[in-house]
């Protein structure tokens, strides 16, 4: 099946906490090494998400975990309700430790979550979620 979605990068943001790639229906995050993510440190990303997707454009958040960083998973309790149009979360984990962390984080999200070993597989999954919606 050929994707009906646009895979053209809309905008790349280089922020203090990492790099964020916004596409039509998904955003890919690459958080910098050693960052401690929380609801407070995500404010700039939340604002960018609102600007790009509002409350109506369906999208998937893809965490491409190329670096090691910490994340307070309870932040999902505040951020997910802000985006009723988020359809799911994908995590690309490149080692067993990050995979185990991602598995634990799944219990904090009440949306589809899937863990991948490869970014292209995560993008394909995100597109299927959007098209099925």
Protein backbone atom coordinates (compact mmCIF):
# COMPACT_ATOMS: atom_id res chain seq x y z
CA UNK A 1 0.00 0.00 0.00
CA UNK A 2 1.39 3.37 -0.96
CA UNK A 3 1.00 6.01 1.70
CA UNK A 4 -1.50 8.74 0.98
CA UNK A 5 0.23 11.07 3.43
CA UNK A 6 2.81 13.73 2.75
CA UNK A 7 6.27 12.72 3.98
CA UNK A 8 7.74 16.14 3.23
CA UNK A 9 9.35 17.83 6.21
CA UNK A 10 7.37 20.95 7.10
CA UNK A 11 9.73 22.41 9.68
CA UNK A 12 12.76 21.37 11.73
CA UNK A 13 13.30 23.00 15.13
CA UNK A 14 16.63 22.87 16.92
CA UNK A 15 15.71 23.53 20.57
CA UNK A 16 17.72 23.44 23.77
CA UNK A 17 16.27 20.02 24.63
CA UNK A 18 16.66 18.48 21.17
CA UNK A 19 15.61 18.48 17.54
CA UNK A 20 11.98 18.18 16.45
CA UNK A 21 10.87 17.38 12.91
CA UNK A 22 7.29 18.32 12.05
CA UNK A 23 5.52 16.58 9.18
CA UNK A 24 1.91 16.81 8.05
CA UNK A 25 0.64 14.12 10.45
CA UNK A 26 3.55 13.20 12.70
CA UNK A 27 6.39 14.76 14.63
CA UNK A 28 9.73 13.07 15.27
CA UNK A 29 11.66 14.01 18.39
CA UNK A 30 15.36 13.47 18.97
CA UNK A 31 16.09 14.60 22.51
CA UNK A 32 19.64 15.62 23.39
CA UNK A 33 21.91 13.45 25.53
CA UNK A 34 21.43 13.87 29.28
CA UNK A 35 18.28 16.02 29.15
CA UNK A 36 15.69 15.61 31.93
CA UNK A 37 12.29 15.91 30.23
CA UNK A 38 9.25 16.98 32.20
CA UNK A 39 6.03 18.86 31.56
CA UNK A 40 7.91 22.09 32.31
CA UNK A 41 10.83 21.44 29.94
CA UNK A 42 8.40 20.45 27.16
CA UNK A 43 6.57 23.79 27.05
CA UNK A 44 8.22 24.99 23.83
CA UNK A 45 7.46 21.68 22.10
CA UNK A 46 3.86 21.78 23.33
CA UNK A 47 3.47 25.27 21.86
CA UNK A 48 4.93 24.12 18.52
CA UNK A 49 2.53 21.16 18.52
CA UNK A 50 -0.40 23.52 19.03
CA UNK A 51 0.82 25.75 16.19
CA UNK A 52 1.30 22.88 13.75
CA UNK A 53 -1.64 20.60 14.62
CA UNK A 54 -4.09 22.63 16.69
CA UNK A 55 -6.85 20.47 18.14
CA UNK A 56 -8.11 19.01 14.87
CA UNK A 57 -5.25 17.81 12.64
CA UNK A 58 -4.60 14.16 13.54
CA UNK A 59 -0.97 13.34 14.32
CA UNK A 60 1.33 10.76 15.92
CA UNK A 61 4.28 11.56 18.16
CA UNK A 62 7.41 9.53 17.34
CA UNK A 63 10.22 9.49 19.89
CA UNK A 64 13.43 8.57 18.08
CA UNK A 65 15.62 7.71 21.08
CA UNK A 66 19.06 8.12 19.55
CA UNK A 67 20.38 9.59 22.83
CA UNK A 68 20.07 8.70 26.49
CA UNK A 69 17.86 11.03 28.55
CA UNK A 70 15.34 10.88 31.36
CA UNK A 71 11.62 11.48 31.09
CA UNK A 72 8.96 11.88 33.76
CA UNK A 73 6.19 9.66 32.34
CA UNK A 74 3.53 11.33 34.49
CA UNK A 75 3.93 14.30 32.12
CA UNK A 76 1.66 12.33 29.78
CA UNK A 77 -1.23 12.98 32.19
CA UNK A 78 -0.93 16.70 31.42
CA UNK A 79 0.15 16.71 27.78
CA UNK A 80 -2.12 14.07 26.22
CA UNK A 81 -5.39 15.84 27.17
CA UNK A 82 -4.03 19.02 25.56
CA UNK A 83 -4.04 17.23 22.20
CA UNK A 84 -7.33 15.39 21.57
CA UNK A 85 -6.10 14.87 18.01
CA UNK A 86 -3.01 12.81 18.95
CA UNK A 87 -3.67 9.31 17.62
CA UNK A 88 -0.74 7.46 19.13
CA UNK A 89 2.86 7.35 20.24
CA UNK A 90 5.74 5.46 18.68
CA UNK A 91 9.08 4.90 20.35
CA UNK A 92 12.18 3.89 18.42
CA UNK A 93 14.49 2.17 20.92
CA UNK A 94 17.95 1.11 19.86
CA UNK A 95 18.86 -0.98 22.90
CA UNK A 96 17.22 -3.21 25.50
CA UNK A 97 17.36 -0.61 28.28
CA UNK A 98 15.45 2.00 26.26
CA UNK A 99 13.00 -0.69 25.15
CA UNK A 100 12.28 -1.62 28.78
CA UNK A 101 11.84 2.04 29.72
CA UNK A 102 9.43 2.53 26.80
CA UNK A 103 7.45 -0.53 27.86
CA UNK A 104 7.06 0.92 31.36
CA UNK A 105 6.01 4.31 29.96
CA UNK A 106 3.19 2.67 27.96
CA UNK A 107 1.11 2.33 31.13
CA UNK A 108 0.95 6.14 31.42
CA UNK A 109 -0.62 6.66 27.98
CA UNK A 110 -4.17 5.73 27.08
CA UNK A 111 -3.58 5.90 23.33
CA UNK A 112 -2.02 3.36 20.98
CA UNK A 113 1.69 2.99 21.71
CA UNK A 114 4.14 0.85 19.80
CA UNK A 115 7.88 0.30 20.21
CA UNK A 116 10.10 -0.13 17.16
CA UNK A 117 13.72 -0.89 16.34
CA UNK A 118 13.66 1.18 13.16
CA UNK A 119 12.46 4.74 12.44
CA UNK A 120 10.98 3.89 9.04
CA UNK A 121 8.79 1.20 10.64
CA UNK A 122 7.56 3.75 13.19
CA UNK A 123 6.66 6.19 10.40
CA UNK A 124 4.77 3.49 8.50
CA UNK A 125 2.82 2.59 11.67
CA UNK A 126 2.02 6.27 12.29
CA UNK A 127 0.70 6.66 8.75
CA UNK A 128 -1.51 3.59 9.14
CA UNK A 129 -2.98 5.03 12.35
CA UNK A 130 -3.77 8.32 10.61
CA UNK A 131 -5.24 6.71 7.49
CA UNK A 132 -7.38 4.32 9.57
CA UNK A 133 -8.82 7.24 11.52
